[in-house]
PDB file of all heavy atoms in Angstrom:
ATOM      1  N   ALA A   1       2.302  -6.701   0.476  1.00  0.00           N
ATOM      2  CA  ALA A   1       2.238  -5.308   0.033  1.00  0.00           C
ATOM      3  C   ALA A   1       2.414  -4.377   1.217  1.00  0.00           C
ATOM      4  O   ALA A   1       2.128  -4.743   2.354  1.00  0.00           O
ATOM      5  CB  ALA A   1       0.901  -5.021  -0.659  1.00  0.00           C
ATOM      6  N   ALA A   2       2.890  -3.168   0.960  1.00  0.00           N
ATOM      7  CA  ALA A   2       3.047  -2.171   2.015  1.00  0.00           C
ATOM      8  C   ALA A   2       2.898  -0.777   1.439  1.00  0.00           C
ATOM      9  O   ALA A   2       3.110  -0.555   0.238  1.00  0.00           O
ATOM     10  CB  ALA A   2       4.407  -2.307   2.698  1.00  0.00           C
ATOM     11  N   ILE A   3       2.557   0.154   2.305  1.00  0.00           N
ATOM     12  CA  ILE A   3       2.468   1.548   1.918  1.00  0.00           C
ATOM     13  C   ILE A   3       3.168   2.403   2.960  1.00  0.00           C
ATOM     14  O   ILE A   3       2.922   2.268   4.160  1.00  0.00           O
ATOM     15  CB  ILE A   3       0.999   1.990   1.720  1.00  0.00           C
ATOM     16  CG1 ILE A   3       0.929   3.455   1.261  1.00  0.00           C
ATOM     17  CG2 ILE A   3       0.165   1.773   2.983  1.00  0.00           C
ATOM     18  CD1 ILE A   3      -0.439   3.854   0.732  1.00  0.00           C
ATOM     19  N   ARG A   4       4.074   3.259   2.501  1.00  0.00           N
ATOM     20  CA  ARG A   4       4.716   4.249   3.339  1.00  0.00           C
ATOM     21  C   ARG A   4       3.965   5.553   3.127  1.00  0.00           C
ATOM     22  O   ARG A   4       3.841   6.021   1.995  1.00  0.00           O
ATOM     23  CB  ARG A   4       6.195   4.412   2.954  1.00  0.00           C
ATOM     24  CG  ARG A   4       6.976   5.312   3.906  1.00  0.00           C
ATOM     25  CD  ARG A   4       8.396   5.543   3.414  1.00  0.00           C
ATOM     26  NE  ARG A   4       8.400   6.388   2.233  1.00  0.00           N
ATOM     27  CZ  ARG A   4       9.496   6.795   1.613  1.00  0.00           C
ATOM     28  NH1 ARG A   4      10.685   6.425   2.058  1.00  0.00           N
ATOM     29  NH2 ARG A   4       9.413   7.561   0.539  1.00  0.00           N
ATOM     30  N   TRP A   5       3.447   6.113   4.219  1.00  0.00           N
ATOM     31  CA  TRP A   5       2.608   7.287   4.071  1.00  0.00           C
ATOM     32  C   TRP A   5       3.340   8.472   3.464  1.00  0.00           C
ATOM     33  O   TRP A   5       2.769   9.215   2.668  1.00  0.00           O
ATOM     34  CB  TRP A   5       2.014   7.679   5.425  1.00  0.00           C
ATOM     35  CG  TRP A   5       1.212   6.593   6.072  1.00  0.00           C
ATOM     36  CD1 TRP A   5       1.389   6.058   7.310  1.00  0.00           C
ATOM     37  CD2 TRP A   5       0.099   5.892   5.501  1.00  0.00           C
ATOM     38  NE1 TRP A   5       0.463   5.083   7.560  1.00  0.00           N
ATOM     39  CE2 TRP A   5      -0.343   4.954   6.467  1.00  0.00           C
ATOM     40  CE3 TRP A   5      -0.578   5.967   4.279  1.00  0.00           C
ATOM     41  CZ2 TRP A   5      -1.422   4.096   6.227  1.00  0.00           C
ATOM     42  CZ3 TRP A   5      -1.644   5.107   4.056  1.00  0.00           C
ATOM     43  CH2 TRP A   5      -2.051   4.189   5.023  1.00  0.00           C
ATOM     44  N   ARG A   6       4.607   8.641   3.815  1.00  0.00           N
ATOM     45  CA  ARG A   6       5.394   9.721   3.251  1.00  0.00           C
ATOM     46  C   ARG A   6       5.614   9.449   1.773  1.00  0.00           C
ATOM     47  O   ARG A   6       6.293   8.490   1.397  1.00  0.00           O
ATOM     48  CB  ARG A   6       6.726   9.855   3.980  1.00  0.00           C
ATOM     49  CG  ARG A   6       7.635  10.952   3.451  1.00  0.00           C
ATOM     50  CD  ARG A   6       8.875  11.086   4.319  1.00  0.00           C
ATOM     51  NE  ARG A   6       9.776  12.121   3.832  1.00  0.00           N
ATOM     52  CZ  ARG A   6      10.759  11.905   2.973  1.00  0.00           C
ATOM     53  NH1 ARG A   6      10.989  10.680   2.511  1.00  0.00           N
ATOM     54  NH2 ARG A   6      11.529  12.910   2.577  1.00  0.00           N
ATOM     55  N   GLY A   7       5.016  10.283   0.942  1.00  0.00           N
ATOM     56  CA  GLY A   7       5.146  10.129  -0.488  1.00  0.00           C
ATOM     57  C   GLY A   7       4.219   9.101  -1.097  1.00  0.00           C
ATOM     58  O   GLY A   7       4.246   8.877  -2.315  1.00  0.00           O
ATOM     59  N   TRP A   8       3.391   8.477  -0.256  1.00  0.00           N
ATOM     60  CA  TRP A   8       2.459   7.443  -0.714  1.00  0.00           C
ATOM     61  C   TRP A   8       3.211   6.390  -1.527  1.00  0.00           C
ATOM     62  O   TRP A   8       2.791   5.984  -2.625  1.00  0.00           O
ATOM     63  CB  TRP A   8       1.329   8.079  -1.521  1.00  0.00           C
ATOM     64  CG  TRP A   8       0.096   7.237  -1.622  1.00  0.00           C
ATOM     65  CD1 TRP A   8      -0.237   6.361  -2.609  1.00  0.00           C
ATOM     66  CD2 TRP A   8      -0.996   7.196  -0.696  1.00  0.00           C
ATOM     67  NE1 TRP A   8      -1.445   5.782  -2.361  1.00  0.00           N
ATOM     68  CE2 TRP A   8      -1.941   6.279  -1.192  1.00  0.00           C
ATOM     69  CE3 TRP A   8      -1.261   7.848   0.507  1.00  0.00           C
ATOM     70  CZ2 TRP A   8      -3.132   5.996  -0.527  1.00  0.00           C
ATOM     71  CZ3 TRP A   8      -2.443   7.558   1.172  1.00  0.00           C
ATOM     72  CH2 TRP A   8      -3.354   6.656   0.653  1.00  0.00           C
ATOM     73  N   TRP A   9       4.313   5.943  -0.978  1.00  0.00           N
ATOM     74  CA  TRP A   9       5.151   4.952  -1.631  1.00  0.00           C
ATOM     75  C   TRP A   9       4.625   3.553  -1.354  1.00  0.00           C
ATOM     76  O   TRP A   9       4.406   3.193  -0.201  1.00  0.00           O
ATOM     77  CB  TRP A   9       6.586   5.084  -1.135  1.00  0.00           C
ATOM     78  CG  TRP A   9       7.530   4.113  -1.748  1.00  0.00           C
ATOM     79  CD1 TRP A   9       7.933   2.923  -1.238  1.00  0.00           C
ATOM     80  CD2 TRP A   9       8.204   4.258  -3.003  1.00  0.00           C
ATOM     81  NE1 TRP A   9       8.805   2.309  -2.089  1.00  0.00           N
ATOM     82  CE2 TRP A   9       8.996   3.107  -3.183  1.00  0.00           C
ATOM     83  CE3 TRP A   9       8.212   5.247  -3.981  1.00  0.00           C
ATOM     84  CZ2 TRP A   9       9.781   2.913  -4.311  1.00  0.00           C
ATOM     85  CZ3 TRP A   9       8.995   5.062  -5.107  1.00  0.00           C
ATOM     86  CH2 TRP A   9       9.768   3.906  -5.259  1.00  0.00           C
ATOM     87  N   THR A  10       4.426   2.780  -2.391  1.00  0.00           N
ATOM     88  CA  THR A  10       3.918   1.421  -2.235  1.00  0.00           C
ATOM     89  C   THR A  10       4.923   0.399  -2.742  1.00  0.00           C
ATOM     90  O   THR A  10       5.715   0.667  -3.648  1.00  0.00           O
ATOM     91  CB  THR A  10       2.591   1.230  -2.979  1.00  0.00           C
ATOM     92  OG1 THR A  10       2.767   1.531  -4.373  1.00  0.00           O
ATOM     93  CG2 THR A  10       1.518   2.152  -2.412  1.00  0.00           C
ATOM     94  N   GLU A  11       4.887  -0.770  -2.130  1.00  0.00           N
ATOM     95  CA  GLU A  11       5.716  -1.889  -2.545  1.00  0.00           C
ATOM     96  C   GLU A  11       4.857  -3.141  -2.620  1.00  0.00           C
ATOM     97  O   GLU A  11       3.922  -3.312  -1.844  1.00  0.00           O
ATOM     98  CB  GLU A  11       6.859  -2.134  -1.553  1.00  0.00           C
ATOM     99  CG  GLU A  11       7.858  -1.009  -1.447  1.00  0.00           C
ATOM    100  CD  GLU A  11       9.021  -1.363  -0.549  1.00  0.00           C
ATOM    101  OE1 GLU A  11       9.527  -2.503  -0.652  1.00  0.00           O
ATOM    102  OE2 GLU A  11       9.428  -0.505   0.252  1.00  0.00           O
ATOM    103  N   TYR A  12       5.201  -4.017  -3.549  1.00  0.00           N
ATOM    104  CA  TYR A  12       4.467  -5.255  -3.720  1.00  0.00           C
ATOM    105  C   TYR A  12       5.420  -6.417  -3.940  1.00  0.00           C
ATOM    106  O   TYR A  12       6.476  -6.269  -4.559  1.00  0.00           O
ATOM    107  CB  TYR A  12       3.530  -5.176  -4.930  1.00  0.00           C
ATOM    108  CG  TYR A  12       2.460  -4.125  -4.819  1.00  0.00           C
ATOM    109  CD1 TYR A  12       2.665  -2.849  -5.334  1.00  0.00           C
ATOM    110  CD2 TYR A  12       1.251  -4.405  -4.191  1.00  0.00           C
ATOM    111  CE1 TYR A  12       1.677  -1.879  -5.231  1.00  0.00           C
ATOM    112  CE2 TYR A  12       0.267  -3.445  -4.085  1.00  0.00           C
ATOM    113  CZ  TYR A  12       0.487  -2.185  -4.605  1.00  0.00           C
ATOM    114  OH  TYR A  12      -0.493  -1.228  -4.502  1.00  0.00           O
ATOM    115  N   ALA A  13       5.029  -7.565  -3.445  1.00  0.00           N
ATOM    116  CA  ALA A  13       5.747  -8.775  -3.781  1.00  0.00           C
ATOM    117  C   ALA A  13       5.549  -9.058  -5.266  1.00  0.00           C
ATOM    118  O   ALA A  13       4.499  -8.735  -5.836  1.00  0.00           O
ATOM    119  CB  ALA A  13       5.234  -9.952  -2.951  1.00  0.00           C
ATOM    120  N   GLU A  14       6.564  -9.642  -5.898  1.00  0.00           N
ATOM    121  CA  GLU A  14       6.470  -9.944  -7.319  1.00  0.00           C
ATOM    122  C   GLU A  14       5.264 -10.824  -7.634  1.00  0.00           C
ATOM    123  O   GLU A  14       4.648 -10.682  -8.693  1.00  0.00           O
ATOM    124  CB  GLU A  14       7.749 -10.626  -7.802  1.00  0.00           C
ATOM    125  CG  GLU A  14       8.947  -9.699  -7.903  1.00  0.00           C
ATOM    126  CD  GLU A  14       8.752  -8.630  -8.961  1.00  0.00           C
ATOM    127  OE1 GLU A  14       8.156  -8.934 -10.016  1.00  0.00           O
ATOM    128  OE2 GLU A  14       9.211  -7.491  -8.743  1.00  0.00           O
ATOM    129  N   SER A  15       4.908 -11.688  -6.722  1.00  0.00           N
ATOM    130  CA  SER A  15       3.816 -12.618  -6.949  1.00  0.00           C
ATOM    131  C   SER A  15       2.443 -11.961  -7.008  1.00  0.00           C
ATOM    132  O   SER A  15       1.485 -12.568  -7.498  1.00  0.00           O
ATOM    133  CB  SER A  15       3.817 -13.701  -5.863  1.00  0.00           C
ATOM    134  OG  SER A  15       3.693 -13.124  -4.579  1.00  0.00           O
ATOM    135  N   VAL A  16       2.325 -10.720  -6.514  1.00  0.00           N
ATOM    136  CA  VAL A  16       1.018 -10.057  -6.483  1.00  0.00           C
ATOM    137  C   VAL A  16       0.979  -8.782  -7.311  1.00  0.00           C
ATOM    138  O   VAL A  16      -0.094  -8.171  -7.436  1.00  0.00           O
ATOM    139  CB  VAL A  16       0.569  -9.749  -5.041  1.00  0.00           C
ATOM    140  CG1 VAL A  16       0.659 -10.992  -4.166  1.00  0.00           C
ATOM    141  CG2 VAL A  16       1.391  -8.608  -4.442  1.00  0.00           C
ATOM    142  N   LYS A  17       2.097  -8.373  -7.872  1.00  0.00           N
ATOM    143  CA  LYS A  17       2.125  -7.155  -8.674  1.00  0.00           C
ATOM    144  C   LYS A  17       1.117  -7.221  -9.815  1.00  0.00           C
ATOM    145  O   LYS A  17       0.925  -8.258 -10.433  1.00  0.00           O
ATOM    146  CB  LYS A  17       3.528  -6.918  -9.234  1.00  0.00           C
ATOM    147  CG  LYS A  17       4.513  -6.345  -8.241  1.00  0.00           C
ATOM    148  CD  LYS A  17       5.841  -6.033  -8.906  1.00  0.00           C
ATOM    149  CE  LYS A  17       6.801  -5.375  -7.940  1.00  0.00           C
ATOM    150  NZ  LYS A  17       8.112  -5.099  -8.583  1.00  0.00           N
ATOM    151  N   GLU A  18       0.482  -6.109 -10.076  1.00  0.00           N
ATOM    152  CA  GLU A  18      -0.515  -5.945 -11.130  1.00  0.00           C
ATOM    153  C   GLU A  18      -1.829  -6.651 -10.825  1.00  0.00           C
ATOM    154  O   GLU A  18      -2.751  -6.605 -11.636  1.00  0.00           O
ATOM    155  CB  GLU A  18       0.035  -6.383 -12.496  1.00  0.00           C
ATOM    156  CG  GLU A  18       1.250  -5.583 -12.929  1.00  0.00           C
ATOM    157  CD  GLU A  18       1.745  -5.958 -14.307  1.00  0.00           C
ATOM    158  OE1 GLU A  18       1.338  -7.025 -14.827  1.00  0.00           O
ATOM    159  OE2 GLU A  18       2.532  -5.191 -14.887  1.00  0.00           O
ATOM    160  N   ARG A  19      -1.915  -7.293  -9.676  1.00  0.00           N
ATOM    161  CA  ARG A  19      -3.161  -7.929  -9.258  1.00  0.00           C
ATOM    162  C   ARG A  19      -3.702  -7.334  -7.961  1.00  0.00           C
ATOM    163  O   ARG A  19      -4.914  -7.233  -7.788  1.00  0.00           O
ATOM    164  CB  ARG A  19      -2.978  -9.433  -9.081  1.00  0.00           C
ATOM    165  CG  ARG A  19      -2.581 -10.153 -10.356  1.00  0.00           C
ATOM    166  CD  ARG A  19      -2.643 -11.672 -10.181  1.00  0.00           C
ATOM    167  NE  ARG A  19      -1.720 -12.131  -9.149  1.00  0.00           N
ATOM    168  CZ  ARG A  19      -2.094 -12.761  -8.041  1.00  0.00           C
ATOM    169  NH1 ARG A  19      -3.380 -13.015  -7.815  1.00  0.00           N
ATOM    170  NH2 ARG A  19      -1.187 -13.165  -7.164  1.00  0.00           N
ATOM    171  N   PHE A  20      -2.808  -6.962  -7.045  1.00  0.00           N
ATOM    172  CA  PHE A  20      -3.206  -6.407  -5.751  1.00  0.00           C
ATOM    173  C   PHE A  20      -2.906  -4.914  -5.715  1.00  0.00           C
ATOM    174  O   PHE A  20      -1.924  -4.446  -6.305  1.00  0.00           O
ATOM    175  CB  PHE A  20      -2.438  -7.069  -4.610  1.00  0.00           C
ATOM    176  CG  PHE A  20      -2.781  -8.517  -4.355  1.00  0.00           C
ATOM    177  CD1 PHE A  20      -3.558  -9.250  -5.229  1.00  0.00           C
ATOM    178  CD2 PHE A  20      -2.302  -9.136  -3.211  1.00  0.00           C
ATOM    179  CE1 PHE A  20      -3.859 -10.579  -4.992  1.00  0.00           C
ATOM    180  CE2 PHE A  20      -2.598 -10.465  -2.954  1.00  0.00           C
ATOM    181  CZ  PHE A  20      -3.372 -11.196  -3.836  1.00  0.00           C
ATOM    182  N   THR A  21      -3.724  -4.174  -4.986  1.00  0.00           N
ATOM    183  CA  THR A  21      -3.505  -2.748  -4.793  1.00  0.00           C
ATOM    184  C   THR A  21      -3.717  -2.395  -3.330  1.00  0.00           C
ATOM    185  O   THR A  21      -4.762  -2.712  -2.760  1.00  0.00           O
ATOM    186  CB  THR A  21      -4.457  -1.905  -5.656  1.00  0.00           C
ATOM    187  OG1 THR A  21      -4.288  -2.235  -7.033  1.00  0.00           O
ATOM    188  CG2 THR A  21      -4.165  -0.418  -5.464  1.00  0.00           C
ATOM    189  N   ILE A  22      -2.723  -1.750  -2.735  1.00  0.00           N
ATOM    190  CA  ILE A  22      -2.830  -1.333  -1.345  1.00  0.00           C
ATOM    191  C   ILE A  22      -3.187   0.149  -1.286  1.00  0.00           C
ATOM    192  O   ILE A  22      -2.710   0.948  -2.100  1.00  0.00           O
ATOM    193  CB  ILE A  22      -1.526  -1.618  -0.566  1.00  0.00           C
ATOM    194  CG1 ILE A  22      -1.720  -1.376   0.934  1.00  0.00           C
ATOM    195  CG2 ILE A  22      -0.362  -0.794  -1.106  1.00  0.00           C
ATOM    196  CD1 ILE A  22      -0.555  -1.873   1.788  1.00  0.00           C
ATOM    197  N   SER A  23      -4.030   0.516  -0.346  1.00  0.00           N
ATOM    198  CA  SER A  23      -4.414   1.905  -0.150  1.00  0.00           C
ATOM    199  C   SER A  23      -4.798   2.087   1.309  1.00  0.00           C
ATOM    200  O   SER A  23      -4.920   1.112   2.058  1.00  0.00           O
ATOM    201  CB  SER A  23      -5.575   2.292  -1.064  1.00  0.00           C
ATOM    202  OG  SER A  23      -6.736   1.521  -0.787  1.00  0.00           O
ATOM    203  N   GLY A  24      -4.991   3.332   1.728  1.00  0.00           N
ATOM    204  CA  GLY A  24      -5.370   3.546   3.106  1.00  0.00           C
ATOM    205  C   GLY A  24      -5.484   5.000   3.466  1.00  0.00           C
ATOM    206  O   GLY A  24      -5.489   5.884   2.602  1.00  0.00           O
ATOM    207  N   ASP A  25      -5.592   5.246   4.759  1.00  0.00           N
ATOM    208  CA  ASP A  25      -5.742   6.581   5.313  1.00  0.00           C
ATOM    209  C   ASP A  25      -4.782   6.691   6.486  1.00  0.00           C
ATOM    210  O   ASP A  25      -5.003   6.088   7.537  1.00  0.00           O
ATOM    211  CB  ASP A  25      -7.185   6.798   5.758  1.00  0.00           C
ATOM    212  CG  ASP A  25      -7.455   8.223   6.201  1.00  0.00           C
ATOM    213  OD1 ASP A  25      -6.524   8.905   6.653  1.00  0.00           O
ATOM    214  OD2 ASP A  25      -8.620   8.658   6.098  1.00  0.00           O
ATOM    215  N   SER A  26      -3.729   7.468   6.328  1.00  0.00           N
ATOM    216  CA  SER A  26      -2.717   7.590   7.371  1.00  0.00           C
ATOM    217  C   SER A  26      -3.264   8.213   8.647  1.00  0.00           C
ATOM    218  O   SER A  26      -2.834   7.856   9.748  1.00  0.00           O
ATOM    219  CB  SER A  26      -1.527   8.407   6.856  1.00  0.00           C
ATOM    220  OG  SER A  26      -1.922   9.722   6.517  1.00  0.00           O
ATOM    221  N   ALA A  27      -4.206   9.137   8.515  1.00  0.00           N
ATOM    222  CA  ALA A  27      -4.769   9.804   9.683  1.00  0.00           C
ATOM    223  C   ALA A  27      -5.597   8.848  10.535  1.00  0.00           C
ATOM    224  O   ALA A  27      -5.718   9.036  11.749  1.00  0.00           O
ATOM    225  CB  ALA A  27      -5.614  10.994   9.256  1.00  0.00           C
ATOM    226  N   LYS A  28      -6.170   7.849   9.905  1.00  0.00           N
ATOM    227  CA  LYS A  28      -7.024   6.900  10.611  1.00  0.00           C
ATOM    228  C   LYS A  28      -6.338   5.568  10.887  1.00  0.00           C
ATOM    229  O   LYS A  28      -6.927   4.700  11.530  1.00  0.00           O
ATOM    230  CB  LYS A  28      -8.294   6.658   9.804  1.00  0.00           C
ATOM    231  CG  LYS A  28      -9.153   7.893   9.608  1.00  0.00           C
ATOM    232  CD  LYS A  28     -10.394   7.566   8.793  1.00  0.00           C
ATOM    233  CE  LYS A  28     -11.263   8.788   8.601  1.00  0.00           C
ATOM    234  NZ  LYS A  28     -12.474   8.483   7.791  1.00  0.00           N
ATOM    235  N   ASN A  29      -5.128   5.414  10.387  1.00  0.00           N
ATOM    236  CA  ASN A  29      -4.411   4.140  10.520  1.00  0.00           C
ATOM    237  C   ASN A  29      -5.255   2.984   9.997  1.00  0.00           C
ATOM    238  O   ASN A  29      -5.453   1.968  10.677  1.00  0.00           O
ATOM    239  CB  ASN A  29      -4.000   3.888  11.974  1.00  0.00           C
ATOM    240  CG  ASN A  29      -2.879   4.793  12.427  1.00  0.00           C
ATOM    241  OD1 ASN A  29      -1.899   4.985  11.709  1.00  0.00           O
ATOM    242  ND2 ASN A  29      -3.021   5.345  13.627  1.00  0.00           N
ATOM    243  N   THR A  30      -5.759   3.171   8.795  1.00  0.00           N
ATOM    244  CA  THR A  30      -6.492   2.114   8.126  1.00  0.00           C
ATOM    245  C   THR A  30      -5.800   1.784   6.815  1.00  0.00           C
ATOM    246  O   THR A  30      -5.179   2.640   6.194  1.00  0.00           O
ATOM    247  CB  THR A  30      -7.951   2.507   7.843  1.00  0.00           C
ATOM    248  OG1 THR A  30      -7.982   3.676   7.007  1.00  0.00           O
ATOM    249  CG2 THR A  30      -8.685   2.800   9.136  1.00  0.00           C
ATOM    250  N   VAL A  31      -5.919   0.546   6.392  1.00  0.00           N
ATOM    251  CA  VAL A  31      -5.304   0.112   5.153  1.00  0.00           C
ATOM    252  C   VAL A  31      -6.161  -0.975   4.526  1.00  0.00           C
ATOM    253  O   VAL A  31      -6.724  -1.818   5.232  1.00  0.00           O
ATOM    254  CB  VAL A  31      -3.858  -0.376   5.391  1.00  0.00           C
ATOM    255  CG1 VAL A  31      -3.830  -1.608   6.287  1.00  0.00           C
ATOM    256  CG2 VAL A  31      -3.141  -0.638   4.076  1.00  0.00           C
ATOM    257  N   ASP A  32      -6.277  -0.925   3.203  1.00  0.00           N
ATOM    258  CA  ASP A  32      -7.045  -1.908   2.457  1.00  0.00           C
ATOM    259  C   ASP A  32      -6.149  -2.629   1.471  1.00  0.00           C
ATOM    260  O   ASP A  32      -5.096  -2.129   1.074  1.00  0.00           O
ATOM    261  CB  ASP A  32      -8.180  -1.238   1.677  1.00  0.00           C
ATOM    262  CG  ASP A  32      -9.221  -0.588   2.564  1.00  0.00           C
ATOM    263  OD1 ASP A  32      -9.319  -0.952   3.748  1.00  0.00           O
ATOM    264  OD2 ASP A  32      -9.948   0.289   2.055  1.00  0.00           O
TER     265      ASP A  32
END
C-alpha cells in the first residue's frame, strides 16, 4: 500500500484491497 500526500491518493495491491487501509500525517512523516 502507498499514500501520496498530494490529494491523499492511496494505492493498494490487489491482494490487500478492502482489507488494509493506509493513513498518515504528511507533516510528521508518519504512516499507519
